[in-house]
Amino acid sequence: MPTAYVLLNSDLGNDESVISEVKEILAAESEVNYDVQGVYGVYDIIVKISTDNAEELRLIITNKIRKINKVQSTLTMMVIEEQEKL
């Protein structure tokens, strides 16, 4: 199953509103599994997204999550599906 981890930096003090917005976006998507957590460190938020369709996953990240107003930057890491079976 195509899976991505997306690390987000948000505007200072806006972590909770960005987390809420990400959850709203992903809850509206059918057949998408996700987990959203605030984290300490270089990034503010980590999002794990899985879906059966790799193109849908790419579109959600590119056209929805990355365009949230209070997101400063993102780093997306796609899981190597062949290694999930090891």
PDB file of N, CA and C in Angstrom:
ATOM      1  N   MET A   1       0.852  -1.178   0.000  1.00  0.00           N
ATOM      2  CA  MET A   1       0.000   0.000   0.000  1.00  0.00           C
ATOM      3  C   MET A   1       0.895   1.237   0.000  1.00  0.00           C
ATOM      4  N   PRO A   2       0.729   2.123  -0.960  1.00  0.00           N
ATOM      5  CA  PRO A   2       1.535   3.346  -0.991  1.00  0.00           C
ATOM      6  C   PRO A   2       1.365   4.141   0.307  1.00  0.00           C
ATOM      7  N   THR A   3       2.508   4.482   0.898  1.00  0.00           N
ATOM      8  CA  THR A   3       2.534   5.202   2.172  1.00  0.00           C
ATOM      9  C   THR A   3       3.552   6.317   2.097  1.00  0.00           C
ATOM     10  N   ALA A   4       3.236   7.433   2.746  1.00  0.00           N
ATOM     11  CA  ALA A   4       4.163   8.562   2.811  1.00  0.00           C
ATOM     12  C   ALA A   4       4.176   9.122   4.219  1.00  0.00           C
ATOM     13  N   TYR A   5       5.342   9.600   4.610  1.00  0.00           N
ATOM     14  CA  TYR A   5       5.487  10.378   5.835  1.00  0.00           C
ATOM     15  C   TYR A   5       5.753  11.806   5.391  1.00  0.00           C
ATOM     16  N   VAL A   6       4.963  12.734   5.916  1.00  0.00           N
ATOM     17  CA  VAL A   6       5.125  14.136   5.547  1.00  0.00           C
ATOM     18  C   VAL A   6       5.456  14.912   6.819  1.00  0.00           C
ATOM     19  N   LEU A   7       6.620  15.560   6.816  1.00  0.00           N
ATOM     20  CA  LEU A   7       7.044  16.391   7.938  1.00  0.00           C
ATOM     21  C   LEU A   7       6.708  17.831   7.597  1.00  0.00           C
ATOM     22  N   LEU A   8       6.067  18.533   8.538  1.00  0.00           N
ATOM     23  CA  LEU A   8       5.620  19.899   8.275  1.00  0.00           C
ATOM     24  C   LEU A   8       6.215  20.869   9.288  1.00  0.00           C
ATOM     25  N   ASN A   9       6.570  22.039   8.818  1.00  0.00           N
ATOM     26  CA  ASN A   9       6.874  23.182   9.670  1.00  0.00           C
ATOM     27  C   ASN A   9       5.726  24.161   9.512  1.00  0.00           C
ATOM     28  N   SER A  10       5.195  24.601  10.649  1.00  0.00           N
ATOM     29  CA  SER A  10       4.078  25.550  10.608  1.00  0.00           C
ATOM     30  C   SER A  10       4.531  26.901  11.141  1.00  0.00           C
ATOM     31  N   ASP A  11       3.713  27.920  10.878  1.00  0.00           N
ATOM     32  CA  ASP A  11       3.972  29.235  11.453  1.00  0.00           C
ATOM     33  C   ASP A  11       3.987  29.095  12.970  1.00  0.00           C
ATOM     34  N   LEU A  12       4.828  29.871  13.626  1.00  0.00           N
ATOM     35  CA  LEU A  12       4.981  29.817  15.069  1.00  0.00           C
ATOM     36  C   LEU A  12       3.631  29.942  15.781  1.00  0.00           C
ATOM     37  N   GLY A  13       3.355  28.976  16.656  1.00  0.00           N
ATOM     38  CA  GLY A  13       2.129  29.007  17.435  1.00  0.00           C
ATOM     39  C   GLY A  13       0.896  28.494  16.737  1.00  0.00           C
ATOM     40  N   ASN A  14       1.038  27.959  15.545  1.00  0.00           N
ATOM     41  CA  ASN A  14      -0.118  27.492  14.773  1.00  0.00           C
ATOM     42  C   ASN A  14      -0.161  25.979  14.600  1.00  0.00           C
ATOM     43  N   ASP A  15       0.611  25.252  15.387  1.00  0.00           N
ATOM     44  CA  ASP A  15       0.670  23.797  15.245  1.00  0.00           C
ATOM     45  C   ASP A  15      -0.712  23.155  15.357  1.00  0.00           C
ATOM     46  N   GLU A  16      -1.452  23.527  16.380  1.00  0.00           N
ATOM     47  CA  GLU A  16      -2.745  22.884  16.628  1.00  0.00           C
ATOM     48  C   GLU A  16      -3.748  23.162  15.507  1.00  0.00           C
ATOM     49  N   SER A  17      -3.753  24.374  14.974  1.00  0.00           N
ATOM     50  CA  SER A  17      -4.693  24.669  13.885  1.00  0.00           C
ATOM     51  C   SER A  17      -4.303  23.939  12.608  1.00  0.00           C
ATOM     52  N   VAL A  18      -3.010  23.794  12.345  1.00  0.00           N
ATOM     53  CA  VAL A  18      -2.558  23.049  11.165  1.00  0.00           C
ATOM     54  C   VAL A  18      -2.911  21.571  11.327  1.00  0.00           C
ATOM     55  N   ILE A  19      -2.688  21.019  12.522  1.00  0.00           N
ATOM     56  CA  ILE A  19      -3.050  19.621  12.772  1.00  0.00           C
ATOM     57  C   ILE A  19      -4.547  19.416  12.521  1.00  0.00           C
ATOM     58  N   SER A  20      -5.372  20.320  13.021  1.00  0.00           N
ATOM     59  CA  SER A  20      -6.822  20.220  12.817  1.00  0.00           C
ATOM     60  C   SER A  20      -7.181  20.273  11.336  1.00  0.00           C
ATOM     61  N   GLU A  21      -6.542  21.169  10.601  1.00  0.00           N
ATOM     62  CA  GLU A  21      -6.836  21.303   9.173  1.00  0.00           C
ATOM     63  C   GLU A  21      -6.402  20.068   8.396  1.00  0.00           C
ATOM     64  N   VAL A  22      -5.230  19.524   8.731  1.00  0.00           N
ATOM     65  CA  VAL A  22      -4.756  18.298   8.072  1.00  0.00           C
ATOM     66  C   VAL A  22      -5.744  17.160   8.336  1.00  0.00           C
ATOM     67  N   LYS A  23      -6.193  17.025   9.579  1.00  0.00           N
ATOM     68  CA  LYS A  23      -7.147  15.968   9.915  1.00  0.00           C
ATOM     69  C   LYS A  23      -8.464  16.143   9.161  1.00  0.00           C
ATOM     70  N   GLU A  24      -8.935  17.374   9.018  1.00  0.00           N
ATOM     71  CA  GLU A  24     -10.167  17.631   8.251  1.00  0.00           C
ATOM     72  C   GLU A  24      -9.999  17.213   6.796  1.00  0.00           C
ATOM     73  N   ILE A  25      -8.868  17.582   6.201  1.00  0.00           N
ATOM     74  CA  ILE A  25      -8.595  17.239   4.802  1.00  0.00           C
ATOM     75  C   ILE A  25      -8.573  15.728   4.626  1.00  0.00           C
ATOM     76  N   LEU A  26      -7.844  15.038   5.498  1.00  0.00           N
ATOM     77  CA  LEU A  26      -7.690  13.593   5.339  1.00  0.00           C
ATOM     78  C   LEU A  26      -8.952  12.829   5.697  1.00  0.00           C
ATOM     79  N   ALA A  27      -9.738  13.327   6.629  1.00  0.00           N
ATOM     80  CA  ALA A  27     -10.997  12.663   6.993  1.00  0.00           C
ATOM     81  C   ALA A  27     -11.991  12.704   5.837  1.00  0.00           C
ATOM     82  N   ALA A  28     -11.891  13.721   4.998  1.00  0.00           N
ATOM     83  CA  ALA A  28     -12.797  13.864   3.854  1.00  0.00           C
ATOM     84  C   ALA A  28     -12.417  12.949   2.693  1.00  0.00           C
ATOM     85  N   GLU A  29     -11.218  12.401   2.737  1.00  0.00           N
ATOM     86  CA  GLU A  29     -10.760  11.514   1.659  1.00  0.00           C
ATOM     87  C   GLU A  29     -11.221  10.087   1.927  1.00  0.00           C
ATOM     88  N   SER A  30     -11.791   9.452   0.917  1.00  0.00           N
ATOM     89  CA  SER A  30     -12.226   8.077   1.095  1.00  0.00           C
ATOM     90  C   SER A  30     -11.043   7.125   0.953  1.00  0.00           C
ATOM     91  N   GLU A  31     -11.066   6.087   1.739  1.00  0.00           N
ATOM     92  CA  GLU A  31     -10.061   5.023   1.691  1.00  0.00           C
ATOM     93  C   GLU A  31      -8.637   5.517   1.934  1.00  0.00           C
ATOM     94  N   VAL A  32      -8.480   6.474   2.807  1.00  0.00           N
ATOM     95  CA  VAL A  32      -7.161   6.971   3.196  1.00  0.00           C
ATOM     96  C   VAL A  32      -6.984   6.710   4.685  1.00  0.00           C
ATOM     97  N   ASN A  33      -5.897   6.029   5.022  1.00  0.00           N
ATOM     98  CA  ASN A  33      -5.539   5.826   6.420  1.00  0.00           C
ATOM     99  C   ASN A  33      -4.500   6.872   6.779  1.00  0.00           C
ATOM    100  N   TYR A  34      -4.609   7.435   7.977  1.00  0.00           N
ATOM    101  CA  TYR A  34      -3.663   8.490   8.338  1.00  0.00           C
ATOM    102  C   TYR A  34      -3.468   8.571   9.842  1.00  0.00           C
ATOM    103  N   ASP A  35      -2.369   9.184  10.219  1.00  0.00           N
ATOM    104  CA  ASP A  35      -2.073   9.512  11.607  1.00  0.00           C
ATOM    105  C   ASP A  35      -1.352  10.854  11.595  1.00  0.00           C
ATOM    106  N   VAL A  36      -1.748  11.760  12.455  1.00  0.00           N
ATOM    107  CA  VAL A  36      -1.164  13.098  12.515  1.00  0.00           C
ATOM    108  C   VAL A  36      -0.721  13.345  13.952  1.00  0.00           C
ATOM    109  N   GLN A  37       0.548  13.743  14.125  1.00  0.00           N
ATOM    110  CA  GLN A  37       1.090  13.981  15.453  1.00  0.00           C
ATOM    111  C   GLN A  37       1.922  15.256  15.479  1.00  0.00           C
ATOM    112  N   GLY A  38       1.815  16.017  16.553  1.00  0.00           N
ATOM    113  CA  GLY A  38       2.744  17.104  16.797  1.00  0.00           C
ATOM    114  C   GLY A  38       4.021  16.502  17.373  1.00  0.00           C
ATOM    115  N   VAL A  39       5.177  17.020  16.984  1.00  0.00           N
ATOM    116  CA  VAL A  39       6.449  16.464  17.441  1.00  0.00           C
ATOM    117  C   VAL A  39       7.411  17.582  17.859  1.00  0.00           C
ATOM    118  N   TYR A  40       8.390  17.210  18.675  1.00  0.00           N
ATOM    119  CA  TYR A  40       9.480  18.110  19.029  1.00  0.00           C
ATOM    120  C   TYR A  40      10.620  17.880  18.062  1.00  0.00           C
ATOM    121  N   GLY A  41      11.386  18.919  17.772  1.00  0.00           N
ATOM    122  CA  GLY A  41      12.545  18.778  16.913  1.00  0.00           C
ATOM    123  C   GLY A  41      12.533  19.785  15.788  1.00  0.00           C
ATOM    124  N   VAL A  42      13.179  19.423  14.695  1.00  0.00           N
ATOM    125  CA  VAL A  42      13.315  20.319  13.551  1.00  0.00           C
ATOM    126  C   VAL A  42      11.960  20.600  12.910  1.00  0.00           C
ATOM    127  N   TYR A  43      11.087  19.612  12.893  1.00  0.00           N
ATOM    128  CA  TYR A  43       9.747  19.769  12.321  1.00  0.00           C
ATOM    129  C   TYR A  43       8.716  19.848  13.429  1.00  0.00           C
ATOM    130  N   ASP A  44       7.545  20.368  13.115  1.00  0.00           N
ATOM    131  CA  ASP A  44       6.484  20.572  14.097  1.00  0.00           C
ATOM    132  C   ASP A  44       5.436  19.464  14.088  1.00  0.00           C
ATOM    133  N   ILE A  45       5.200  18.883  12.909  1.00  0.00           N
ATOM    134  CA  ILE A  45       4.102  17.924  12.729  1.00  0.00           C
ATOM    135  C   ILE A  45       4.584  16.809  11.815  1.00  0.00           C
ATOM    136  N   ILE A  46       4.164  15.583  12.121  1.00  0.00           N
ATOM    137  CA  ILE A  46       4.423  14.458  11.220  1.00  0.00           C
ATOM    138  C   ILE A  46       3.085  13.824  10.853  1.00  0.00           C
ATOM    139  N   VAL A  47       2.940  13.522   9.566  1.00  0.00           N
ATOM    140  CA  VAL A  47       1.712  12.929   9.048  1.00  0.00           C
ATOM    141  C   VAL A  47       2.086  11.641   8.328  1.00  0.00           C
ATOM    142  N   LYS A  48       1.424  10.554   8.676  1.00  0.00           N
ATOM    143  CA  LYS A  48       1.580   9.292   7.947  1.00  0.00           C
ATOM    144  C   LYS A  48       0.299   9.073   7.170  1.00  0.00           C
ATOM    145  N   ILE A  49       0.427   8.896   5.859  1.00  0.00           N
ATOM    146  CA  ILE A  49      -0.736   8.725   4.984  1.00  0.00           C
ATOM    147  C   ILE A  49      -0.552   7.457   4.155  1.00  0.00           C
ATOM    148  N   SER A  50      -1.592   6.633   4.102  1.00  0.00           N
ATOM    149  CA  SER A  50      -1.589   5.432   3.268  1.00  0.00           C
ATOM    150  C   SER A  50      -2.883   5.362   2.476  1.00  0.00           C
ATOM    151  N   THR A  51      -2.763   4.925   1.235  1.00  0.00           N
ATOM    152  CA  THR A  51      -3.929   4.712   0.391  1.00  0.00           C
ATOM    153  C   THR A  51      -3.564   3.681  -0.672  1.00  0.00           C
ATOM    154  N   ASP A  52      -4.557   3.102  -1.303  1.00  0.00           N
ATOM    155  CA  ASP A  52      -4.295   2.096  -2.332  1.00  0.00           C
ATOM    156  C   ASP A  52      -3.793   2.694  -3.636  1.00  0.00           C
ATOM    157  N   ASN A  53      -3.964   3.990  -3.821  1.00  0.00           N
ATOM    158  CA  ASN A  53      -3.644   4.636  -5.088  1.00  0.00           C
ATOM    159  C   ASN A  53      -2.504   5.639  -4.898  1.00  0.00           C
ATOM    160  N   ALA A  54      -1.345   5.351  -5.483  1.00  0.00           N
ATOM    161  CA  ALA A  54      -0.168   6.218  -5.339  1.00  0.00           C
ATOM    162  C   ALA A  54      -0.413   7.608  -5.912  1.00  0.00           C
ATOM    163  N   GLU A  55      -1.157   7.705  -6.994  1.00  0.00           N
ATOM    164  CA  GLU A  55      -1.445   9.011  -7.594  1.00  0.00           C
ATOM    165  C   GLU A  55      -2.330   9.844  -6.676  1.00  0.00           C
ATOM    166  N   GLU A  56      -3.310   9.216  -6.057  1.00  0.00           N
ATOM    167  CA  GLU A  56      -4.166   9.920  -5.104  1.00  0.00           C
ATOM    168  C   GLU A  56      -3.342  10.433  -3.919  1.00  0.00           C
ATOM    169  N   LEU A  57      -2.421   9.621  -3.450  1.00  0.00           N
ATOM    170  CA  LEU A  57      -1.538  10.016  -2.353  1.00  0.00           C
ATOM    171  C   LEU A  57      -0.735  11.251  -2.732  1.00  0.00           C
ATOM    172  N   ARG A  58      -0.160  11.245  -3.915  1.00  0.00           N
ATOM    173  CA  ARG A  58       0.621  12.385  -4.400  1.00  0.00           C
ATOM    174  C   ARG A  58      -0.230  13.644  -4.499  1.00  0.00           C
ATOM    175  N   LEU A  59      -1.441  13.503  -5.018  1.00  0.00           N
ATOM    176  CA  LEU A  59      -2.327  14.659  -5.167  1.00  0.00           C
ATOM    177  C   LEU A  59      -2.751  15.251  -3.828  1.00  0.00           C
ATOM    178  N   ILE A  60      -3.020  14.402  -2.857  1.00  0.00           N
ATOM    179  CA  ILE A  60      -3.398  14.880  -1.524  1.00  0.00           C
ATOM    180  C   ILE A  60      -2.256  15.699  -0.919  1.00  0.00           C
ATOM    181  N   ILE A  61      -1.048  15.181  -1.018  1.00  0.00           N
ATOM    182  CA  ILE A  61       0.105  15.877  -0.445  1.00  0.00           C
ATOM    183  C   ILE A  61       0.371  17.190  -1.186  1.00  0.00           C
ATOM    184  N   THR A  62       0.424  17.119  -2.504  1.00  0.00           N
ATOM    185  CA  THR A  62       0.788  18.282  -3.308  1.00  0.00           C
ATOM    186  C   THR A  62      -0.296  19.353  -3.339  1.00  0.00           C
ATOM    187  N   ASN A  63      -1.527  18.953  -3.565  1.00  0.00           N
ATOM    188  CA  ASN A  63      -2.594  19.928  -3.791  1.00  0.00           C
ATOM    189  C   ASN A  63      -3.385  20.319  -2.554  1.00  0.00           C
ATOM    190  N   LYS A  64      -3.232  19.579  -1.473  1.00  0.00           N
ATOM    191  CA  LYS A  64      -4.022  19.890  -0.279  1.00  0.00           C
ATOM    192  C   LYS A  64      -3.135  20.209   0.923  1.00  0.00           C
ATOM    193  N   ILE A  65      -2.324  19.270   1.348  1.00  0.00           N
ATOM    194  CA  ILE A  65      -1.531  19.487   2.567  1.00  0.00           C
ATOM    195  C   ILE A  65      -0.504  20.597   2.381  1.00  0.00           C
ATOM    196  N   ARG A  66       0.227  20.571   1.294  1.00  0.00           N
ATOM    197  CA  ARG A  66       1.278  21.575   1.083  1.00  0.00           C
ATOM    198  C   ARG A  66       0.713  22.975   0.872  1.00  0.00           C
ATOM    199  N   LYS A  67      -0.568  23.082   0.552  1.00  0.00           N
ATOM    200  CA  LYS A  67      -1.169  24.390   0.289  1.00  0.00           C
ATOM    201  C   LYS A  67      -1.890  24.972   1.498  1.00  0.00           C
ATOM    202  N   ILE A  68      -1.807  24.310   2.648  1.00  0.00           N
ATOM    203  CA  ILE A  68      -2.404  24.870   3.859  1.00  0.00           C
ATOM    204  C   ILE A  68      -1.687  26.183   4.162  1.00  0.00           C
ATOM    205  N   ASN A  69      -2.453  27.204   4.442  1.00  0.00           N
ATOM    206  CA  ASN A  69      -1.945  28.565   4.578  1.00  0.00           C
ATOM    207  C   ASN A  69      -0.825  28.716   5.600  1.00  0.00           C
ATOM    208  N   LYS A  70      -0.907  28.064   6.734  1.00  0.00           N
ATOM    209  CA  LYS A  70       0.068  28.266   7.804  1.00  0.00           C
ATOM    210  C   LYS A  70       1.212  27.260   7.789  1.00  0.00           C
ATOM    211  N   VAL A  71       1.350  26.497   6.716  1.00  0.00           N
ATOM    212  CA  VAL A  71       2.468  25.566   6.564  1.00  0.00           C
ATOM    213  C   VAL A  71       3.609  26.292   5.864  1.00  0.00           C
ATOM    214  N   GLN A  72       4.763  26.358   6.543  1.00  0.00           N
ATOM    215  CA  GLN A  72       5.932  27.032   5.973  1.00  0.00           C
ATOM    216  C   GLN A  72       6.684  26.138   5.007  1.00  0.00           C
ATOM    217  N   SER A  73       6.875  24.864   5.398  1.00  0.00           N
ATOM    218  CA  SER A  73       7.637  23.953   4.547  1.00  0.00           C
ATOM    219  C   SER A  73       7.236  22.519   4.859  1.00  0.00           C
ATOM    220  N   THR A  74       7.551  21.632   3.905  1.00  0.00           N
ATOM    221  CA  THR A  74       7.276  20.206   4.088  1.00  0.00           C
ATOM    222  C   THR A  74       8.460  19.388   3.600  1.00  0.00           C
ATOM    223  N   LEU A  75       8.547  18.182   4.118  1.00  0.00           N
ATOM    224  CA  LEU A  75       9.492  17.182   3.633  1.00  0.00           C
ATOM    225  C   LEU A  75       8.701  15.889   3.513  1.00  0.00           C
ATOM    226  N   THR A  76       8.615  15.347   2.310  1.00  0.00           N
ATOM    227  CA  THR A  76       7.832  14.138   2.072  1.00  0.00           C
ATOM    228  C   THR A  76       8.764  12.968   1.820  1.00  0.00           C
ATOM    229  N   MET A  77       8.492  11.864   2.521  1.00  0.00           N
ATOM    230  CA  MET A  77       9.268  10.635   2.347  1.00  0.00           C
ATOM    231  C   MET A  77       8.305   9.523   1.971  1.00  0.00           C
ATOM    232  N   MET A  78       8.476   8.981   0.771  1.00  0.00           N
ATOM    233  CA  MET A  78       7.640   7.875   0.306  1.00  0.00           C
ATOM    234  C   MET A  78       8.275   6.558   0.742  1.00  0.00           C
ATOM    235  N   VAL A  79       7.455   5.662   1.259  1.00  0.00           N
ATOM    236  CA  VAL A  79       7.928   4.352   1.701  1.00  0.00           C
ATOM    237  C   VAL A  79       8.235   3.491   0.478  1.00  0.00           C
ATOM    238  N   ILE A  80       9.321   2.749   0.538  1.00  0.00           N
ATOM    239  CA  ILE A  80       9.683   1.800  -0.516  1.00  0.00           C
ATOM    240  C   ILE A  80       8.845   0.555  -0.281  1.00  0.00           C
ATOM    241  N   GLU A  81       7.837   0.381  -1.116  1.00  0.00           N
ATOM    242  CA  GLU A  81       6.862  -0.684  -0.898  1.00  0.00           C
ATOM    243  C   GLU A  81       7.473  -2.082  -0.913  1.00  0.00           C
ATOM    244  N   GLU A  82       8.465  -2.289  -1.733  1.00  0.00           N
ATOM    245  CA  GLU A  82       9.087  -3.613  -1.829  1.00  0.00           C
ATOM    246  C   GLU A  82       9.744  -4.009  -0.510  1.00  0.00           C
ATOM    247  N   GLN A  83      10.211  -3.047   0.257  1.00  0.00           N
ATOM    248  CA  GLN A  83      10.881  -3.347   1.517  1.00  0.00           C
ATOM    249  C   GLN A  83       9.896  -3.596   2.648  1.00  0.00           C
ATOM    250  N   GLU A  84       8.627  -3.234   2.479  1.00  0.00           N
ATOM    251  CA  GLU A  84       7.625  -3.495   3.506  1.00  0.00           C
ATOM    252  C   GLU A  84       7.422  -4.985   3.691  1.00  0.00           C
ATOM    253  N   LYS A  85       7.729  -5.771   2.679  1.00  0.00           N
ATOM    254  CA  LYS A  85       7.483  -7.213   2.706  1.00  0.00           C
ATOM    255  C   LYS A  85       8.640  -7.987   3.328  1.00  0.00           C
ATOM    256  N   LEU A  86       9.753  -7.319   3.604  1.00  0.00           N
ATOM    257  CA  LEU A  86      10.912  -8.019   4.180  1.00  0.00           C
ATOM    258  C   LEU A  86      10.686  -8.391   5.620  1.00  0.00           C
TER     259      LEU A  86
END
